[in-house]
Amino acid sequence: MAISEQEVRKVALLARLEVDEEEVRSLAHHFDSILEHFGKLNELDLDNIDPFVMDETQTPLREDRAEKWELREDALNEASHRDGDFFRVPRIVSEEG
């Protein structure tokens, strides 16, 4: 399935992205590559696979534990607005309905 340049422009518009004509051609090529990979996934036989069961022998999980991070203070010192041990950021959600 080939992605047209017109479709790329539509996606860019919906995402509020400015793309020039060179980027449109490049993005069309990248989108085609992504869809090609999804096409390969569609060829897999998944009839006997339960999507809700994770095989832990194939997906190693790390132990979930808290660790002291030595660079924490350095990161906080780089913040443009710091409030004690926290980053202060602009409000992005209004409290109105």
N, C-alpha and C. Protein backbone atom coordinates (compact mmCIF):
# COMPACT_ATOMS: atom_id res chain seq x y z
N MET A 1 0.84 -1.18 0.00
CA MET A 1 0.00 0.00 0.00
C MET A 1 0.89 1.24 0.00
N ALA A 2 0.81 2.00 -1.02
CA ALA A 2 1.63 3.20 -1.13
C ALA A 2 0.89 4.39 -0.52
N ILE A 3 1.62 5.17 0.23
CA ILE A 3 1.08 6.40 0.82
C ILE A 3 1.33 7.54 -0.16
N SER A 4 0.30 8.25 -0.49
CA SER A 4 0.46 9.35 -1.44
C SER A 4 0.97 10.59 -0.72
N GLU A 5 1.53 11.49 -1.50
CA GLU A 5 2.01 12.75 -0.93
C GLU A 5 0.83 13.56 -0.38
N GLN A 6 -0.33 13.42 -1.01
CA GLN A 6 -1.52 14.11 -0.52
C GLN A 6 -1.89 13.59 0.87
N GLU A 7 -1.77 12.28 1.10
CA GLU A 7 -2.08 11.71 2.41
C GLU A 7 -1.08 12.20 3.46
N VAL A 8 0.18 12.33 3.07
CA VAL A 8 1.19 12.85 3.99
C VAL A 8 0.85 14.28 4.38
N ARG A 9 0.45 15.09 3.42
CA ARG A 9 0.07 16.48 3.71
C ARG A 9 -1.13 16.53 4.67
N LYS A 10 -2.09 15.61 4.47
CA LYS A 10 -3.27 15.58 5.34
C LYS A 10 -2.87 15.21 6.76
N VAL A 11 -2.00 14.21 6.93
CA VAL A 11 -1.54 13.82 8.26
C VAL A 11 -0.78 14.98 8.91
N ALA A 12 0.06 15.65 8.14
CA ALA A 12 0.81 16.79 8.67
C ALA A 12 -0.14 17.89 9.12
N LEU A 13 -1.18 18.14 8.35
CA LEU A 13 -2.16 19.16 8.72
C LEU A 13 -2.87 18.78 10.02
N LEU A 14 -3.30 17.52 10.12
CA LEU A 14 -3.98 17.05 11.33
C LEU A 14 -3.07 17.11 12.56
N ALA A 15 -1.77 16.86 12.35
CA ALA A 15 -0.80 16.89 13.45
C ALA A 15 -0.26 18.30 13.69
N ARG A 16 -0.73 19.25 12.89
CA ARG A 16 -0.28 20.64 13.00
C ARG A 16 1.23 20.76 12.80
N LEU A 17 1.74 20.04 11.79
CA LEU A 17 3.16 20.06 11.45
C LEU A 17 3.36 20.79 10.13
N GLU A 18 4.40 21.58 10.08
CA GLU A 18 4.76 22.21 8.82
C GLU A 18 5.82 21.35 8.14
N VAL A 19 5.53 20.91 6.92
CA VAL A 19 6.49 20.10 6.17
C VAL A 19 6.63 20.70 4.78
N ASP A 20 7.87 20.75 4.31
CA ASP A 20 8.08 21.26 2.95
C ASP A 20 7.98 20.09 1.97
N GLU A 21 8.07 20.38 0.68
CA GLU A 21 7.86 19.36 -0.35
C GLU A 21 8.89 18.23 -0.28
N GLU A 22 10.12 18.55 0.07
CA GLU A 22 11.14 17.50 0.20
C GLU A 22 10.80 16.57 1.35
N GLU A 23 10.33 17.14 2.45
CA GLU A 23 9.94 16.32 3.59
C GLU A 23 8.72 15.46 3.27
N VAL A 24 7.81 15.98 2.47
CA VAL A 24 6.62 15.21 2.09
C VAL A 24 7.04 13.93 1.37
N ARG A 25 7.94 14.05 0.42
CA ARG A 25 8.41 12.86 -0.32
C ARG A 25 9.12 11.89 0.62
N SER A 26 9.96 12.42 1.50
CA SER A 26 10.70 11.57 2.44
C SER A 26 9.75 10.85 3.40
N LEU A 27 8.77 11.60 3.92
CA LEU A 27 7.81 10.99 4.85
C LEU A 27 6.95 9.94 4.17
N ALA A 28 6.59 10.16 2.92
CA ALA A 28 5.81 9.16 2.18
C ALA A 28 6.60 7.86 2.09
N HIS A 29 7.90 7.97 1.83
CA HIS A 29 8.76 6.78 1.76
C HIS A 29 8.83 6.09 3.13
N HIS A 30 9.00 6.86 4.20
CA HIS A 30 9.08 6.28 5.54
C HIS A 30 7.76 5.61 5.93
N PHE A 31 6.64 6.27 5.63
CA PHE A 31 5.34 5.67 5.93
C PHE A 31 5.16 4.35 5.18
N ASP A 32 5.59 4.31 3.93
CA ASP A 32 5.52 3.06 3.16
C ASP A 32 6.33 1.96 3.83
N SER A 33 7.51 2.29 4.32
CA SER A 33 8.36 1.30 5.01
C SER A 33 7.67 0.77 6.25
N ILE A 34 7.05 1.66 7.01
CA ILE A 34 6.35 1.25 8.23
C ILE A 34 5.20 0.31 7.88
N LEU A 35 4.42 0.67 6.88
CA LEU A 35 3.30 -0.18 6.48
C LEU A 35 3.77 -1.53 5.95
N GLU A 36 4.93 -1.54 5.31
CA GLU A 36 5.50 -2.81 4.84
C GLU A 36 5.81 -3.73 6.01
N HIS A 37 6.34 -3.18 7.09
CA HIS A 37 6.61 -3.99 8.28
C HIS A 37 5.31 -4.53 8.89
N PHE A 38 4.27 -3.69 8.93
CA PHE A 38 2.99 -4.16 9.44
C PHE A 38 2.43 -5.27 8.54
N GLY A 39 2.67 -5.16 7.24
CA GLY A 39 2.24 -6.21 6.32
C GLY A 39 2.90 -7.54 6.65
N LYS A 40 4.19 -7.49 7.01
CA LYS A 40 4.90 -8.72 7.39
C LYS A 40 4.31 -9.30 8.67
N LEU A 41 3.91 -8.44 9.60
CA LEU A 41 3.29 -8.93 10.84
C LEU A 41 1.96 -9.62 10.55
N ASN A 42 1.23 -9.12 9.56
CA ASN A 42 -0.05 -9.73 9.20
C ASN A 42 0.12 -11.13 8.64
N GLU A 43 1.31 -11.48 8.18
CA GLU A 43 1.56 -12.81 7.62
C GLU A 43 1.79 -13.87 8.70
N LEU A 44 2.00 -13.45 9.94
CA LEU A 44 2.26 -14.40 11.02
C LEU A 44 1.02 -15.20 11.36
N ASP A 45 1.23 -16.48 11.69
CA ASP A 45 0.13 -17.35 12.11
C ASP A 45 -0.02 -17.21 13.63
N LEU A 46 -1.04 -16.51 14.06
CA LEU A 46 -1.25 -16.25 15.49
C LEU A 46 -2.51 -16.93 16.02
N ASP A 47 -3.00 -17.92 15.29
CA ASP A 47 -4.25 -18.57 15.68
C ASP A 47 -4.18 -19.21 17.06
N ASN A 48 -3.06 -19.81 17.43
CA ASN A 48 -2.95 -20.51 18.70
C ASN A 48 -2.20 -19.70 19.76
N ILE A 49 -2.16 -18.39 19.58
CA ILE A 49 -1.45 -17.52 20.51
C ILE A 49 -2.47 -16.73 21.32
N ASP A 50 -2.36 -16.81 22.64
CA ASP A 50 -3.23 -16.03 23.51
C ASP A 50 -2.57 -14.67 23.72
N PRO A 51 -3.16 -13.59 23.26
CA PRO A 51 -2.52 -12.27 23.35
C PRO A 51 -2.44 -11.75 24.78
N PHE A 52 -3.12 -12.40 25.72
CA PHE A 52 -3.13 -11.92 27.09
C PHE A 52 -2.18 -12.70 28.00
N VAL A 53 -1.41 -13.60 27.43
CA VAL A 53 -0.45 -14.38 28.21
C VAL A 53 0.95 -14.00 27.77
N MET A 54 1.79 -13.63 28.75
CA MET A 54 3.16 -13.25 28.42
C MET A 54 4.09 -14.40 28.80
N ASP A 55 4.89 -14.81 27.85
CA ASP A 55 5.85 -15.87 28.07
C ASP A 55 7.11 -15.27 28.69
N GLU A 56 7.28 -15.46 30.00
CA GLU A 56 8.39 -14.82 30.70
C GLU A 56 9.75 -15.38 30.31
N THR A 57 9.78 -16.53 29.65
CA THR A 57 11.08 -17.08 29.23
C THR A 57 11.64 -16.29 28.05
N GLN A 58 10.78 -15.63 27.30
CA GLN A 58 11.22 -14.87 26.14
C GLN A 58 11.36 -13.38 26.43
N THR A 59 10.69 -12.89 27.47
CA THR A 59 10.74 -11.48 27.80
C THR A 59 11.26 -11.32 29.22
N PRO A 60 12.57 -11.17 29.37
CA PRO A 60 13.09 -11.03 30.74
C PRO A 60 12.66 -9.70 31.35
N LEU A 61 12.19 -9.76 32.57
CA LEU A 61 11.76 -8.56 33.28
C LEU A 61 12.77 -8.25 34.39
N ARG A 62 13.03 -6.99 34.57
CA ARG A 62 13.93 -6.61 35.64
C ARG A 62 13.14 -6.46 36.93
N GLU A 63 13.83 -6.59 38.04
CA GLU A 63 13.20 -6.39 39.32
C GLU A 63 12.84 -4.91 39.46
N ASP A 64 11.64 -4.64 39.91
CA ASP A 64 11.19 -3.26 40.08
C ASP A 64 11.57 -2.80 41.47
N ARG A 65 12.58 -1.96 41.55
CA ARG A 65 13.04 -1.47 42.86
C ARG A 65 13.53 -0.04 42.72
N ALA A 66 13.37 0.69 43.81
CA ALA A 66 13.82 2.08 43.83
C ALA A 66 15.33 2.11 44.04
N GLU A 67 15.99 3.03 43.33
CA GLU A 67 17.43 3.20 43.48
C GLU A 67 17.74 4.67 43.64
N LYS A 68 18.75 4.97 44.42
CA LYS A 68 19.18 6.35 44.57
C LYS A 68 19.91 6.75 43.30
N TRP A 69 19.54 7.91 42.77
CA TRP A 69 20.14 8.40 41.54
C TRP A 69 21.08 9.53 41.90
N GLU A 70 22.34 9.33 41.65
CA GLU A 70 23.37 10.28 42.06
C GLU A 70 23.31 11.61 41.31
N LEU A 71 22.70 11.64 40.14
CA LEU A 71 22.67 12.86 39.34
C LEU A 71 21.39 13.66 39.51
N ARG A 72 20.57 13.29 40.47
CA ARG A 72 19.29 13.95 40.69
C ARG A 72 19.46 15.45 40.92
N GLU A 73 20.37 15.81 41.80
CA GLU A 73 20.59 17.22 42.11
C GLU A 73 21.09 17.99 40.89
N ASP A 74 21.94 17.35 40.09
CA ASP A 74 22.42 17.99 38.86
C ASP A 74 21.25 18.29 37.91
N ALA A 75 20.34 17.33 37.77
CA ALA A 75 19.18 17.53 36.90
C ALA A 75 18.30 18.66 37.42
N LEU A 76 18.06 18.68 38.73
CA LEU A 76 17.23 19.73 39.31
C LEU A 76 17.89 21.10 39.15
N ASN A 77 19.21 21.16 39.23
CA ASN A 77 19.91 22.43 39.08
C ASN A 77 19.82 22.97 37.65
N GLU A 78 19.55 22.11 36.66
CA GLU A 78 19.43 22.53 35.27
C GLU A 78 18.03 23.06 34.95
N ALA A 79 17.09 22.89 35.87
CA ALA A 79 15.71 23.31 35.62
C ALA A 79 15.62 24.82 35.53
N SER A 80 14.82 25.30 34.58
CA SER A 80 14.65 26.74 34.46
C SER A 80 13.82 27.28 35.63
N HIS A 81 12.92 26.47 36.18
CA HIS A 81 12.11 26.84 37.34
C HIS A 81 12.08 25.66 38.29
N ARG A 82 12.71 25.83 39.44
CA ARG A 82 12.78 24.76 40.42
C ARG A 82 12.03 25.18 41.67
N ASP A 83 11.33 24.23 42.27
CA ASP A 83 10.62 24.48 43.52
C ASP A 83 11.00 23.36 44.48
N GLY A 84 12.07 23.59 45.25
CA GLY A 84 12.56 22.56 46.17
C GLY A 84 13.09 21.36 45.41
N ASP A 85 12.49 20.20 45.64
CA ASP A 85 12.90 18.97 44.97
C ASP A 85 12.08 18.67 43.72
N PHE A 86 11.41 19.70 43.18
CA PHE A 86 10.52 19.50 42.05
C PHE A 86 10.82 20.47 40.93
N PHE A 87 10.43 20.10 39.70
CA PHE A 87 10.46 21.00 38.57
C PHE A 87 9.14 21.75 38.56
N ARG A 88 9.16 23.04 38.35
CA ARG A 88 7.93 23.82 38.20
C ARG A 88 7.73 24.02 36.70
N VAL A 89 6.55 23.63 36.23
CA VAL A 89 6.22 23.74 34.81
C VAL A 89 4.92 24.50 34.66
N PRO A 90 4.68 25.07 33.47
CA PRO A 90 3.42 25.80 33.26
C PRO A 90 2.22 24.86 33.33
N ARG A 91 1.11 25.39 33.82
CA ARG A 91 -0.13 24.63 33.87
C ARG A 91 -0.61 24.39 32.45
N ILE A 92 -0.98 23.15 32.13
CA ILE A 92 -1.45 22.85 30.77
C ILE A 92 -2.92 22.43 30.77
N VAL A 93 -3.48 22.23 31.94
CA VAL A 93 -4.89 21.85 32.03
C VAL A 93 -5.57 22.89 32.90
N SER A 94 -6.64 23.46 32.39
CA SER A 94 -7.37 24.44 33.18
C SER A 94 -8.27 23.72 34.18
N GLU A 95 -8.64 24.43 35.21
CA GLU A 95 -9.50 23.82 36.22
C GLU A 95 -10.96 23.95 35.86
N GLU A 96 -11.24 24.63 34.76
CA GLU A 96 -12.63 24.78 34.31
C GLU A 96 -13.08 23.52 33.59
N GLY A 97 -14.36 23.19 33.69
CA GLY A 97 -15.04 22.06 33.18
C GLY A 97 -14.52 21.34 32.05
